[in-house]
Amino acid sequence: MRKYNVDRFMAFTENLSRHIFRIVREIGPVMKEKRLYATARMKERLELVECNQKLKEVQEELGTFKEEIDKHRVSRIELQEKLIEAQNTLIEVQGRKLSSVSESVQKHLQGYSKVLVQNCSAAIAPSRLQAALKKATVPHPSTTPEEATLDRKLNLVIFGLPETTARATEHEVQDIFGELNEKPVISSTKRIGEKTDNRPRPVIVTLERRETLLQLLRKAKQLRDSEKFSSVFLSPDLTPEEQRERKTLVDTVKGLRRDNPNGRYWVSRGVIKCG
């Protein structure tokens, strides 16, 4: 009886072992598949986490790009404002320049008008009309050498030369001409006017050639730079009427220069010139 029970137990145990082994064999692939599935899921989760991390980084970069774009937009607006301001400044400067040019043109036109009026007045001055009439109606007599020295066209007037003896004055006149690199032939020299203690009397120098006198007058301004003769002034020999006319011309030139400092005005041969 006991042996029978042992045999049954052994048979049951063997039977159970076979069932267990069969179940294990059947479950093995399933478990392997489950392990593979779990591994795949884990891998997917890791990839998802990595994708989320990359997505977060991309979002941060996009945020940075957005800030930079906003900064560039603000900078562009500032540049546009500065450009508009520069354009307005340029327009204002051009307006001022145009106004300045207009004023300058008006001043030049006024100066030309004054010059024209003064030159017309000088052209029809009584002394000139009388001289022209006399020249046209009175025959010119033949002149002697003594009368030629009285011709004002050959006379040069020197102002500001200190008074000394007649011989010393002649030497100083030669020194003045030498300062201008000229050696003209002098017919005579003499002082004119009443002697005073305040200032030296003018010296009239009579030359032989009119061309020499004109050359000396053209170079006369060089005396301003002379150490010895900076206070000496050369002038043609004018009649009282011509002196008054010249004074009027000089005063007009001074007024034109004062009104228009950038303009050039001077007196030449009894008329005002500008340029």
Protein backbone atom coordinates (compact mmCIF):
# COMPACT_ATOMS: atom_id res chain seq x y z
CA MET A 1 0.00 0.00 0.00
CA ARG A 2 2.80 2.33 0.91
CA LYS A 3 4.70 1.41 -2.23
CA TYR A 4 1.72 2.21 -4.33
CA ASN A 5 1.42 5.65 -2.84
CA VAL A 6 5.07 6.35 -3.51
CA ASP A 7 4.74 5.33 -7.10
CA ARG A 8 1.73 7.51 -7.55
CA PHE A 9 3.57 10.43 -6.00
CA MET A 10 6.56 9.90 -8.23
CA ALA A 11 4.34 9.68 -11.27
CA PHE A 12 2.57 12.85 -10.24
CA THR A 13 5.85 14.61 -9.65
CA GLU A 14 7.17 13.56 -13.00
CA ASN A 15 3.98 14.55 -14.65
CA LEU A 16 4.10 17.93 -12.93
CA SER A 17 7.71 18.47 -13.97
CA ARG A 18 6.85 17.77 -17.58
CA HIS A 19 3.98 20.20 -17.39
CA ILE A 20 6.23 22.83 -15.80
CA PHE A 21 8.91 22.33 -18.43
CA ARG A 22 6.31 22.54 -21.17
CA ILE A 23 4.88 25.69 -19.67
CA VAL A 24 8.36 27.15 -19.35
CA ARG A 25 9.11 26.27 -22.95
CA GLU A 26 5.86 27.85 -24.04
CA ILE A 27 6.25 30.93 -21.83
CA GLY A 28 9.94 31.50 -22.77
CA PRO A 29 9.28 33.13 -26.16
CA VAL A 30 6.48 35.18 -24.68
CA MET A 31 8.73 36.46 -21.90
CA LYS A 32 11.48 37.13 -24.38
CA GLU A 33 9.03 39.06 -26.52
CA LYS A 34 7.83 40.95 -23.46
CA ARG A 35 11.44 41.78 -22.56
CA LEU A 36 12.06 43.01 -26.07
CA TYR A 37 8.87 45.02 -25.94
CA ALA A 38 9.85 46.52 -22.60
CA THR A 39 13.29 47.36 -23.96
CA ALA A 40 11.75 48.98 -27.02
CA ARG A 41 9.38 50.97 -24.84
CA MET A 42 12.25 52.08 -22.66
CA LYS A 43 14.22 53.08 -25.75
CA GLU A 44 11.21 55.00 -27.06
CA ARG A 45 10.86 56.74 -23.73
CA LEU A 46 14.53 57.70 -23.76
CA GLU A 47 14.22 58.98 -27.33
CA LEU A 48 11.09 60.90 -26.33
CA VAL A 49 12.93 62.48 -23.41
CA GLU A 50 15.82 63.36 -25.73
CA CYS A 51 13.40 64.84 -28.28
CA ASN A 52 11.73 66.88 -25.55
CA GLN A 53 15.14 68.14 -24.46
CA LYS A 54 16.05 69.10 -28.02
CA LEU A 55 12.66 70.71 -28.48
CA LYS A 56 13.24 72.75 -25.34
CA GLU A 57 16.66 73.85 -26.64
CA VAL A 58 15.13 74.80 -29.98
CA GLN A 59 12.44 76.81 -28.19
CA GLU A 60 15.14 78.60 -26.18
CA GLU A 61 17.07 79.38 -29.39
CA LEU A 62 13.89 80.62 -31.01
CA GLY A 63 13.33 82.87 -28.00
CA THR A 64 16.88 84.21 -28.38
CA PHE A 65 16.33 84.79 -32.10
CA LYS A 66 13.10 86.58 -31.33
CA GLU A 67 14.89 88.89 -28.89
CA GLU A 68 17.60 89.62 -31.47
CA ILE A 69 14.94 90.28 -34.11
CA ASP A 70 13.20 92.67 -31.72
CA LYS A 71 16.52 94.41 -31.07
CA HIS A 72 17.22 94.69 -34.80
CA ARG A 73 13.71 96.03 -35.34
CA VAL A 74 14.28 98.68 -32.66
CA SER A 75 17.69 99.51 -34.17
CA ARG A 76 16.13 99.81 -37.62
CA ILE A 77 13.48 102.16 -36.25
CA GLU A 78 16.19 104.24 -34.56
CA LEU A 79 18.20 104.32 -37.79
CA GLN A 80 15.12 105.40 -39.72
CA GLU A 81 14.51 108.19 -37.19
CA LYS A 82 18.16 109.30 -37.46
CA LEU A 83 17.92 109.18 -41.27
CA ILE A 84 14.80 111.35 -41.18
CA GLU A 85 16.54 113.74 -38.79
CA ALA A 86 19.60 113.89 -41.07
CA GLN A 87 17.38 114.55 -44.08
CA ASN A 88 15.63 117.36 -42.22
CA THR A 89 19.00 118.82 -41.21
CA LEU A 90 20.21 118.59 -44.82
CA ILE A 91 17.08 120.34 -46.04
CA GLU A 92 17.57 123.05 -43.41
CA VAL A 93 21.25 123.50 -44.36
CA GLN A 94 20.38 123.65 -48.05
CA GLY A 95 17.71 126.23 -47.23
CA ARG A 96 20.23 128.34 -45.32
CA LYS A 97 22.76 128.03 -48.16
CA LEU A 98 20.12 129.00 -50.69
CA SER A 99 19.16 131.98 -48.56
CA SER A 100 22.83 132.95 -48.18
CA VAL A 101 23.39 132.66 -51.93
CA SER A 102 20.29 134.74 -52.56
CA GLU A 103 21.51 137.43 -50.14
CA SER A 104 24.97 137.35 -51.73
CA VAL A 105 23.48 137.71 -55.22
CA GLN A 106 21.32 140.60 -54.02
CA LYS A 107 24.36 142.30 -52.46
CA HIS A 108 26.34 141.83 -55.67
CA LEU A 109 23.46 143.23 -57.73
CA GLN A 110 23.19 146.20 -55.39
CA GLY A 111 26.95 146.68 -55.62
CA TYR A 112 26.85 146.51 -59.43
CA SER A 113 23.96 148.98 -59.42
CA LYS A 114 25.92 151.41 -57.23
CA VAL A 115 29.01 150.97 -59.40
CA LEU A 116 26.97 151.62 -62.56
CA VAL A 117 25.33 154.72 -61.09
CA GLN A 118 28.64 156.07 -59.79
CA ASN A 119 30.46 155.38 -63.06
CA CYS A 120 27.68 157.07 -65.03
CA SER A 121 27.83 160.04 -62.68
CA ALA A 122 31.60 160.20 -63.04
CA ALA A 123 31.36 159.91 -66.83
CA ILE A 124 29.08 162.95 -67.08
CA ALA A 125 30.86 165.01 -64.41
CA PRO A 126 31.12 168.72 -65.34
CA SER A 127 34.91 168.71 -65.33
CA ARG A 128 35.06 165.82 -67.79
CA LEU A 129 32.41 167.32 -70.03
CA GLN A 130 34.24 170.65 -70.06
CA ALA A 131 37.56 168.95 -70.79
CA ALA A 132 36.04 166.92 -73.62
CA LEU A 133 34.33 170.02 -75.06
CA LYS A 134 37.52 172.03 -74.82
CA LYS A 135 39.53 169.28 -76.46
CA ALA A 136 37.01 169.02 -79.28
CA THR A 137 36.67 172.76 -79.96
CA VAL A 138 40.02 174.33 -79.09
CA PRO A 139 42.99 173.41 -81.27
CA HIS A 140 45.92 172.09 -79.26
CA PRO A 141 48.92 174.40 -79.65
CA SER A 142 52.39 173.07 -80.05
CA THR A 143 54.04 172.88 -76.65
CA THR A 144 57.51 173.91 -75.66
CA PRO A 145 59.71 171.83 -73.32
CA GLU A 146 58.97 174.31 -70.51
CA GLU A 147 55.22 173.94 -71.01
CA ALA A 148 55.46 170.16 -71.17
CA THR A 149 56.68 170.03 -67.57
CA LEU A 150 53.41 171.63 -66.56
CA ASP A 151 51.35 168.82 -68.07
CA ARG A 152 49.66 167.02 -65.20
CA LYS A 153 49.75 163.71 -67.07
CA LEU A 154 53.48 163.56 -66.48
CA ASN A 155 53.27 164.57 -62.81
CA LEU A 156 53.44 162.12 -59.94
CA VAL A 157 52.45 163.29 -56.43
CA ILE A 158 54.23 161.74 -53.43
CA PHE A 159 52.55 162.02 -50.03
CA GLY A 160 54.12 161.29 -46.65
CA LEU A 161 57.75 161.95 -47.57
CA PRO A 162 59.47 163.79 -44.65
CA GLU A 163 60.67 167.29 -45.49
CA THR A 164 64.41 167.84 -45.87
CA THR A 165 66.52 169.93 -48.24
CA ALA A 166 65.67 170.01 -51.94
CA ARG A 167 68.70 167.88 -52.84
CA ALA A 168 67.91 165.36 -50.11
CA THR A 169 64.33 165.18 -51.35
CA GLU A 170 65.53 164.33 -54.86
CA HIS A 171 67.71 161.53 -53.49
CA GLU A 172 64.80 160.16 -51.41
CA VAL A 173 62.52 160.23 -54.48
CA GLN A 174 65.13 158.17 -56.34
CA ASP A 175 65.28 155.79 -53.35
CA ILE A 176 61.47 155.39 -53.49
CA PHE A 177 61.61 154.54 -57.19
CA GLY A 178 64.52 152.18 -56.52
CA GLU A 179 62.38 150.41 -53.90
CA LEU A 180 59.96 149.69 -56.77
CA ASN A 181 62.80 148.52 -59.06
CA GLU A 182 62.29 151.51 -61.37
CA LYS A 183 64.79 154.15 -62.56
CA PRO A 184 62.73 156.78 -64.39
CA VAL A 185 64.12 159.95 -65.89
CA ILE A 186 63.03 162.83 -63.63
CA SER A 187 62.52 166.28 -65.10
CA SER A 188 61.89 168.11 -61.81
CA THR A 189 60.79 167.74 -58.17
CA LYS A 190 59.18 170.36 -55.94
CA ARG A 191 57.11 170.70 -52.77
CA ILE A 192 53.64 172.23 -53.02
CA GLY A 193 51.42 173.87 -50.42
CA GLU A 194 52.15 175.80 -47.25
CA LYS A 195 54.70 174.38 -44.87
CA THR A 196 53.32 173.23 -41.49
CA ASP A 197 54.64 171.40 -38.46
CA ASN A 198 51.93 168.73 -38.55
CA ARG A 199 52.72 166.84 -41.74
CA PRO A 200 55.10 167.07 -44.70
CA ARG A 201 53.98 168.80 -47.87
CA PRO A 202 53.38 166.66 -50.99
CA VAL A 203 56.13 166.39 -53.58
CA ILE A 204 55.33 166.75 -57.29
CA VAL A 205 57.69 164.78 -59.50
CA THR A 206 57.59 165.47 -63.24
CA LEU A 207 58.67 162.54 -65.42
CA GLU A 208 59.54 162.41 -69.09
CA ARG A 209 57.32 159.47 -70.06
CA ARG A 210 53.67 158.80 -69.24
CA GLU A 211 54.22 155.01 -69.41
CA THR A 212 56.82 155.24 -66.62
CA LEU A 213 54.36 157.13 -64.42
CA LEU A 214 51.66 154.48 -64.95
CA GLN A 215 54.15 151.72 -64.14
CA LEU A 216 55.09 153.45 -60.87
CA LEU A 217 51.42 153.82 -59.94
CA ARG A 218 50.84 150.09 -60.58
CA LYS A 219 53.72 149.18 -58.27
CA ALA A 220 52.93 151.80 -55.61
CA LYS A 221 51.18 149.30 -53.31
CA GLN A 222 54.52 147.51 -52.80
CA LEU A 223 55.63 150.42 -50.60
CA ARG A 224 53.33 149.13 -47.85
CA ASP A 225 55.87 146.36 -47.18
CA SER A 226 58.87 148.73 -47.24
CA GLU A 227 60.62 149.38 -43.93
CA LYS A 228 61.63 152.92 -44.91
CA PHE A 229 58.73 154.10 -47.08
CA SER A 230 55.70 152.26 -45.66
CA SER A 231 53.97 155.63 -44.94
CA VAL A 232 54.61 156.99 -48.46
CA PHE A 233 51.71 157.11 -50.93
CA LEU A 234 51.89 157.74 -54.71
CA SER A 235 49.10 159.42 -56.65
CA PRO A 236 48.56 161.00 -60.08
CA ASP A 237 48.42 164.79 -60.22
CA LEU A 238 44.69 165.60 -60.14
CA THR A 239 42.83 168.88 -60.41
CA PRO A 240 40.70 169.94 -57.41
CA GLU A 241 37.58 168.79 -59.28
CA GLU A 242 39.20 165.42 -60.10
CA GLN A 243 40.27 165.07 -56.47
CA ARG A 244 36.68 165.57 -55.32
CA GLU A 245 35.46 163.04 -57.89
CA ARG A 246 38.12 160.52 -56.84
CA LYS A 247 37.22 161.01 -53.16
CA THR A 248 33.60 160.27 -54.05
CA LEU A 249 34.67 157.11 -55.87
CA VAL A 250 36.91 155.99 -52.99
CA ASP A 251 34.12 156.60 -50.45
CA THR A 252 31.74 154.58 -52.63
CA VAL A 253 34.25 151.71 -52.85
CA LYS A 254 34.65 151.74 -49.06
CA GLY A 255 30.86 151.55 -48.66
CA LEU A 256 30.65 148.64 -51.13
CA ARG A 257 33.40 146.76 -49.32
CA ARG A 258 31.67 147.35 -46.00
CA ASP A 259 28.29 146.15 -47.31
CA ASN A 260 29.76 143.15 -49.14
CA PRO A 261 33.09 142.02 -47.58
CA ASN A 262 33.36 139.09 -50.00
CA GLY A 263 33.21 141.34 -53.07
CA ARG A 264 36.18 142.94 -54.84
CA TYR A 265 35.90 146.63 -55.69
CA TRP A 266 38.57 149.12 -56.78
CA VAL A 267 39.01 152.38 -58.65
CA SER A 268 40.76 152.29 -61.99
CA ARG A 269 41.06 155.21 -64.39
CA GLY A 270 38.20 157.13 -62.89
CA VAL A 271 35.66 154.24 -62.71
CA ILE A 272 34.76 151.63 -60.10
CA LYS A 273 35.47 148.05 -61.10
CA CYS A 274 34.28 144.89 -59.40
CA GLY A 275 35.00 141.23 -59.74
